[in-house]
C-alpha atoms as a PDB file:
ATOM      1  CA  MET A   1    -152.787-172.354 -52.243  1.00  0.00           C
ATOM      2  CA  ARG A   2    -152.592-173.479 -55.877  1.00  0.00           C
ATOM      3  CA  MET A   3    -150.556-170.404 -56.742  1.00  0.00           C
ATOM      4  CA  ASN A   4    -147.999-171.289 -54.031  1.00  0.00           C
ATOM      5  CA  VAL A   5    -147.637-174.863 -55.306  1.00  0.00           C
ATOM      6  CA  PHE A   6    -147.200-173.599 -58.868  1.00  0.00           C
ATOM      7  CA  ARG A   7    -144.618-171.050 -57.717  1.00  0.00           C
ATOM      8  CA  ILE A   8    -142.703-173.665 -55.680  1.00  0.00           C
ATOM      9  CA  LEU A   9    -142.694-176.087 -58.640  1.00  0.00           C
ATOM     10  CA  SER A  10    -141.506-173.333 -60.982  1.00  0.00           C
ATOM     11  CA  ILE A  11    -138.643-172.437 -58.672  1.00  0.00           C
ATOM     12  CA  PHE A  12    -137.784-176.101 -58.200  1.00  0.00           C
ATOM     13  CA  PHE A  13    -137.571-176.751 -61.984  1.00  0.00           C
ATOM     14  CA  ALA A  14    -135.609-173.577 -62.529  1.00  0.00           C
ATOM     15  CA  VAL A  15    -133.044-174.652 -59.936  1.00  0.00           C
ATOM     16  CA  VAL A  16    -132.813-178.202 -61.314  1.00  0.00           C
ATOM     17  CA  SER A  17    -132.424-176.891 -64.885  1.00  0.00           C
ATOM     18  CA  THR A  18    -129.664-174.540 -63.798  1.00  0.00           C
ATOM     19  CA  LEU A  19    -127.810-177.296 -61.957  1.00  0.00           C
ATOM     20  CA  LEU A  20    -128.088-179.655 -64.924  1.00  0.00           C
ATOM     21  CA  SER A  21    -126.794-177.045 -67.333  1.00  0.00           C
ATOM     22  CA  LEU A  22    -123.783-176.386 -65.088  1.00  0.00           C
ATOM     23  CA  THR A  23    -122.899-180.081 -64.843  1.00  0.00           C
ATOM     24  CA  GLY A  24    -123.117-180.597 -68.608  1.00  0.00           C
ATOM     25  CA  CYS A  25    -119.645-179.120 -69.163  1.00  0.00           C
ATOM     26  CA  ASP A  26    -116.635-181.337 -68.681  1.00  0.00           C
ATOM     27  CA  LYS A  27    -113.824-179.368 -67.088  1.00  0.00           C
ATOM     28  CA  HIS A  28    -111.258-181.778 -68.550  1.00  0.00           C
ATOM     29  CA  THR A  29    -112.232-181.081 -72.163  1.00  0.00           C
ATOM     30  CA  VAL A  30    -109.577-178.895 -73.760  1.00  0.00           C
ATOM     31  CA  TYR A  31    -110.895-178.942 -77.340  1.00  0.00           C
ATOM     32  CA  HIS A  32    -114.022-180.298 -79.030  1.00  0.00           C
ATOM     33  CA  SER A  33    -114.919-179.222 -82.550  1.00  0.00           C
ATOM     34  CA  TYR A  34    -116.410-180.583 -85.771  1.00  0.00           C
ATOM     35  CA  GLN A  35    -115.800-179.683 -89.374  1.00  0.00           C
ATOM     36  CA  HIS A  36    -118.561-180.151 -91.881  1.00  0.00           C
ATOM     37  CA  ILE A  37    -117.945-182.127 -95.084  1.00  0.00           C
ATOM     38  CA  SER A  38    -119.627-180.859 -98.259  1.00  0.00           C
ATOM     39  CA  SER A  39    -122.680-182.817 -99.447  1.00  0.00           C
ATOM     40  CA  GLN A  40    -120.827-183.073-102.796  1.00  0.00           C
ATOM     41  CA  GLY A  41    -118.350-185.382-101.046  1.00  0.00           C
ATOM     42  CA  TRP A  42    -114.945-185.356 -99.399  1.00  0.00           C
ATOM     43  CA  ASN A  43    -112.050-185.148-101.857  1.00  0.00           C
ATOM     44  CA  ASN A  44    -108.839-186.927-100.815  1.00  0.00           C
ATOM     45  CA  ARG A  45    -106.958-183.668-101.477  1.00  0.00           C
ATOM     46  CA  ASP A  46    -109.153-181.805 -98.918  1.00  0.00           C
ATOM     47  CA  THR A  47    -107.367-181.606 -95.594  1.00  0.00           C
ATOM     48  CA  LEU A  48    -109.395-180.856 -92.484  1.00  0.00           C
ATOM     49  CA  ILE A  49    -107.366-178.796 -90.004  1.00  0.00           C
ATOM     50  CA  PHE A  50    -108.195-178.354 -86.327  1.00  0.00           C
ATOM     51  CA  ILE A  51    -106.279-175.526 -84.623  1.00  0.00           C
ATOM     52  CA  ILE A  52    -105.723-176.119 -80.918  1.00  0.00           C
ATOM     53  CA  ASP A  53    -105.085-172.964 -78.944  1.00  0.00           C
ATOM     54  CA  THR A  54    -102.665-172.746 -76.068  1.00  0.00           C
ATOM     55  CA  ILE A  55    -102.436-175.724 -73.733  1.00  0.00           C
ATOM     56  CA  GLN A  56    -102.964-174.491 -70.161  1.00  0.00           C
ATOM     57  CA  GLU A  57    -101.022-177.107 -68.161  1.00  0.00           C
ATOM     58  CA  ASN A  58     -98.450-179.866 -68.383  1.00  0.00           C
ATOM     59  CA  ALA A  59    -100.348-183.156 -68.634  1.00  0.00           C
ATOM     60  CA  THR A  60    -101.150-186.223 -70.686  1.00  0.00           C
ATOM     61  CA  TYR A  61    -103.998-185.565 -73.103  1.00  0.00           C
ATOM     62  CA  ASN A  62    -106.321-188.120 -74.720  1.00  0.00           C
ATOM     63  CA  PHE A  63    -107.421-187.612 -78.293  1.00  0.00           C
ATOM     64  CA  SER A  64    -110.511-189.011 -79.967  1.00  0.00           C
ATOM     65  CA  LEU A  65    -111.546-188.729 -83.590  1.00  0.00           C
ATOM     66  CA  GLU A  66    -115.309-188.381 -84.063  1.00  0.00           C
ATOM     67  CA  LEU A  67    -117.106-189.004 -87.297  1.00  0.00           C
ATOM     68  CA  ARG A  68    -120.722-188.577 -88.396  1.00  0.00           C
ATOM     69  CA  SER A  69    -121.841-190.605 -91.397  1.00  0.00           C
ATOM     70  CA  THR A  70    -125.109-191.138 -93.255  1.00  0.00           C
ATOM     71  CA  GLY A  71    -126.572-194.119 -95.056  1.00  0.00           C
ATOM     72  CA  LEU A  72    -125.102-192.732 -98.288  1.00  0.00           C
ATOM     73  CA  TYR A  73    -121.602-193.857 -97.291  1.00  0.00           C
ATOM     74  CA  PRO A  74    -121.084-196.996 -99.439  1.00  0.00           C
ATOM     75  CA  TYR A  75    -118.305-198.739 -97.504  1.00  0.00           C
ATOM     76  CA  GLN A  76    -117.983-200.653 -94.221  1.00  0.00           C
ATOM     77  CA  ASN A  77    -114.984-198.678 -93.054  1.00  0.00           C
ATOM     78  CA  ILE A  78    -112.908-195.567 -93.755  1.00  0.00           C
ATOM     79  CA  TRP A  79    -109.163-195.122 -93.533  1.00  0.00           C
ATOM     80  CA  LEU A  80    -107.882-191.782 -92.269  1.00  0.00           C
ATOM     81  CA  ALA A  81    -104.437-190.249 -91.943  1.00  0.00           C
ATOM     82  CA  ILE A  82    -104.017-187.993 -88.962  1.00  0.00           C
ATOM     83  CA  GLU A  83    -101.097-185.647 -88.309  1.00  0.00           C
ATOM     84  CA  ARG A  84    -100.832-184.103 -84.858  1.00  0.00           C
ATOM     85  CA  ARG A  85     -98.279-181.266 -84.622  1.00  0.00           C
ATOM     86  CA  PHE A  86     -97.629-179.401 -81.345  1.00  0.00           C
ATOM     87  CA  TYR A  87     -95.066-176.670 -81.493  1.00  0.00           C
ATOM     88  CA  PRO A  88     -92.167-176.599 -81.174  1.00  0.00           C
ATOM     89  CA  ASP A  89     -91.189-180.258 -81.073  1.00  0.00           C
ATOM     90  CA  ILE A  90     -94.006-182.838 -81.194  1.00  0.00           C
ATOM     91  CA  LEU A  91     -95.121-184.530 -84.383  1.00  0.00           C
ATOM     92  CA  CYS A  92     -97.252-187.678 -84.459  1.00  0.00           C
ATOM     93  CA  TYR A  93     -98.685-189.551 -87.430  1.00  0.00           C
ATOM     94  CA  ASP A  94    -101.565-191.991 -87.117  1.00  0.00           C
ATOM     95  CA  THR A  95    -103.371-194.141 -89.676  1.00  0.00           C
ATOM     96  CA  VAL A  96    -106.798-195.078 -88.406  1.00  0.00           C
ATOM     97  CA  GLU A  97    -109.419-197.469 -89.683  1.00  0.00           C
ATOM     98  CA  CYS A  98    -112.916-196.563 -88.537  1.00  0.00           C
ATOM     99  CA  HIS A  99    -115.466-199.383 -88.819  1.00  0.00           C
ATOM    100  CA  LEU A 100    -118.817-197.871 -89.785  1.00  0.00           C
ATOM    101  CA  THR A 101    -120.813-201.065 -90.361  1.00  0.00           C
ATOM    102  CA  THR A 102    -120.684-204.661 -89.262  1.00  0.00           C
ATOM    103  CA  PRO A 103    -119.930-207.402 -91.836  1.00  0.00           C
ATOM    104  CA  THR A 104    -123.706-207.921 -92.154  1.00  0.00           C
ATOM    105  CA  THR A 105    -124.107-204.232 -93.100  1.00  0.00           C
ATOM    106  CA  LEU A 106    -125.662-203.124 -89.819  1.00  0.00           C
ATOM    107  CA  ARG A 107    -124.589-199.569 -89.038  1.00  0.00           C
ATOM    108  CA  ASN A 108    -122.240-199.078 -86.093  1.00  0.00           C
ATOM    109  CA  GLY A 109    -122.548-195.901 -84.043  1.00  0.00           C
ATOM    110  CA  LYS A 110    -125.448-194.080 -82.524  1.00  0.00           C
ATOM    111  CA  GLY A 111    -128.197-192.488 -84.548  1.00  0.00           C
ATOM    112  CA  ILE A 112    -131.113-192.936 -86.906  1.00  0.00           C
ATOM    113  CA  TYR A 113    -130.298-190.947 -90.067  1.00  0.00           C
ATOM    114  CA  MET A 114    -126.819-189.837 -89.073  1.00  0.00           C
ATOM    115  CA  TYR A 115    -124.473-192.184 -87.236  1.00  0.00           C
ATOM    116  CA  GLN A 116    -121.952-190.994 -84.632  1.00  0.00           C
ATOM    117  CA  HIS A 117    -118.634-192.859 -84.390  1.00  0.00           C
ATOM    118  CA  LYS A 118    -115.785-192.317 -81.943  1.00  0.00           C
ATOM    119  CA  THR A 119    -112.246-193.651 -82.420  1.00  0.00           C
ATOM    120  CA  PRO A 120    -109.596-193.176 -79.738  1.00  0.00           C
ATOM    121  CA  LEU A 121    -106.093-192.083 -80.772  1.00  0.00           C
ATOM    122  CA  SER A 122    -102.910-192.456 -78.755  1.00  0.00           C
ATOM    123  CA  SER A 123    -102.452-190.020 -75.874  1.00  0.00           C
ATOM    124  CA  MET A 124     -99.782-187.331 -75.885  1.00  0.00           C
ATOM    125  CA  GLN A 125     -97.728-185.515 -73.252  1.00  0.00           C
ATOM    126  CA  LEU A 126     -98.239-181.780 -73.833  1.00  0.00           C
ATOM    127  CA  ARG A 127     -96.726-178.806 -72.078  1.00  0.00           C
ATOM    128  CA  ASN A 128     -98.068-175.502 -70.869  1.00  0.00           C
ATOM    129  CA  ARG A 129     -98.205-172.859 -73.651  1.00  0.00           C
ATOM    130  CA  GLN A 130     -97.935-175.346 -76.525  1.00  0.00           C
ATOM    131  CA  THR A 131    -100.175-174.744 -79.507  1.00  0.00           C
ATOM    132  CA  GLY A 132    -100.961-177.269 -82.150  1.00  0.00           C
ATOM    133  CA  GLN A 133    -102.905-178.416 -85.116  1.00  0.00           C
ATOM    134  CA  VAL A 134    -104.417-181.727 -86.137  1.00  0.00           C
ATOM    135  CA  SER A 135    -104.806-182.489 -89.855  1.00  0.00           C
ATOM    136  CA  VAL A 136    -107.101-185.229 -91.209  1.00  0.00           C
ATOM    137  CA  ILE A 137    -107.365-186.644 -94.739  1.00  0.00           C
ATOM    138  CA  HIS A 138    -109.051-189.780 -96.029  1.00  0.00           C
ATOM    139  CA  LEU A 139    -106.991-192.557 -97.583  1.00  0.00           C
ATOM    140  CA  MET A 140    -109.737-194.276 -99.542  1.00  0.00           C
ATOM    141  CA  GLN A 141    -108.967-195.308-103.141  1.00  0.00           C
ATOM    142  CA  LYS A 142    -111.937-193.378-104.504  1.00  0.00           C
ATOM    143  CA  GLU A 143    -110.973-189.737-104.906  1.00  0.00           C
ATOM    144  CA  VAL A 144    -114.279-188.293-103.673  1.00  0.00           C
ATOM    145  CA  ILE A 145    -116.371-190.110-101.061  1.00  0.00           C
ATOM    146  CA  VAL A 146    -119.947-189.261-100.091  1.00  0.00           C
ATOM    147  CA  GLY A 147    -121.860-189.993 -96.897  1.00  0.00           C
ATOM    148  CA  ILE A 148    -119.392-188.515 -94.415  1.00  0.00           C
ATOM    149  CA  HIS A 149    -121.136-185.538 -92.832  1.00  0.00           C
ATOM    150  CA  ASP A 150    -118.692-184.265 -90.207  1.00  0.00           C
ATOM    151  CA  ILE A 151    -115.275-185.038 -88.740  1.00  0.00           C
ATOM    152  CA  GLY A 152    -114.640-183.997 -85.146  1.00  0.00           C
ATOM    153  CA  LEU A 153    -111.793-183.904 -82.692  1.00  0.00           C
ATOM    154  CA  LEU A 154    -112.050-184.262 -78.916  1.00  0.00           C
ATOM    155  CA  VAL A 155    -109.050-183.553 -76.670  1.00  0.00           C
ATOM    156  CA  CYS A 156    -109.292-184.174 -72.893  1.00  0.00           C
ATOM    157  CA  ARG A 157    -106.838-184.164 -70.036  1.00  0.00           C
ATOM    158  CA  SER A 158    -106.189-187.805 -69.170  1.00  0.00           C
ATOM    159  CA  ASP A 159    -107.528-187.648 -65.639  1.00  0.00           C
ATOM    160  CA  SER A 160    -110.946-187.336 -67.262  1.00  0.00           C
ATOM    161  CA  THR A 161    -113.132-190.423 -66.850  1.00  0.00           C
ATOM    162  CA  MET A 162    -114.658-189.732 -70.287  1.00  0.00           C
ATOM    163  CA  PHE A 163    -111.928-191.842 -71.957  1.00  0.00           C
ATOM    164  CA  SER A 164    -111.487-194.555 -69.365  1.00  0.00           C
ATOM    165  CA  GLN A 165    -114.123-196.768 -71.002  1.00  0.00           C
ATOM    166  CA  ILE A 166    -113.314-196.133 -74.675  1.00  0.00           C
ATOM    167  CA  ALA A 167    -109.559-195.567 -74.890  1.00  0.00           C
ATOM    168  CA  PRO A 168    -107.379-198.367 -73.647  1.00  0.00           C
ATOM    169  CA  SER A 169    -103.673-197.647 -73.727  1.00  0.00           C
ATOM    170  CA  ILE A 170    -102.270-197.783 -77.233  1.00  0.00           C
ATOM    171  CA  ASP A 171     -98.819-199.123 -78.038  1.00  0.00           C
ATOM    172  CA  THR A 172     -97.266-196.366 -80.180  1.00  0.00           C
ATOM    173  CA  LYS A 173     -94.310-198.551 -81.210  1.00  0.00           C
ATOM    174  CA  LYS A 174     -96.760-201.059 -82.669  1.00  0.00           C
ATOM    175  CA  ASP A 175     -98.671-198.200 -84.330  1.00  0.00           C
ATOM    176  CA  LYS A 176     -95.514-196.850 -85.984  1.00  0.00           C
ATOM    177  CA  LYS A 177     -94.908-200.287 -87.527  1.00  0.00           C
ATOM    178  CA  LYS A 178     -98.495-200.352 -88.812  1.00  0.00           C
ATOM    179  CA  ASP A 179     -98.132-196.831 -90.219  1.00  0.00           C
ATOM    180  CA  ARG A 180     -95.289-198.019 -92.455  1.00  0.00           C
ATOM    181  CA  GLU A 181     -97.652-200.747 -93.765  1.00  0.00           C
ATOM    182  CA  SER A 182    -100.600-198.436 -94.327  1.00  0.00           C
ATOM    183  CA  PRO A 183    -101.886-197.464 -97.767  1.00  0.00           C
ATOM    184  CA  GLN A 184     -99.799-194.865 -99.555  1.00  0.00           C
ATOM    185  CA  ARG A 185    -101.002-192.260-102.012  1.00  0.00           C
END
């Protein structure tokens, strides 16, 4: 009798584990990758490049920049320049300020030693068979910054509910005006 109960529980947990692992993938995610930053720091001449393979369908895609920082990062925010290029004819520049701490120096983001931050970017209309790349550099005055561990990029088809709570619509005309006012190197 005990052996049957054990066997039934084992099968039950195996089935539940399998179902949970299958639901962990988001079918709307087109691209999700991180690039590690050297522990020596991130030089403002070091460009992180994310290569996005062929888009599979015509749709609107939401972009989100993800950043992992440690307590070694000395500033409350970080300014980043992002270039999104999709061949043959789409080019988009964004200047983004990511707030990593509150004014009272409490860390934003999730984590204990390493803090996870997510910043939505404007959405883009992409077409089937387009390929692209996203380039990221920091715009901080200090040439080499420490405490940034990884930079990531998440791209999802817009019918995904993943972005509905974190990415309100962004006015790109207003963003273009802000880009002209952003720090220059």
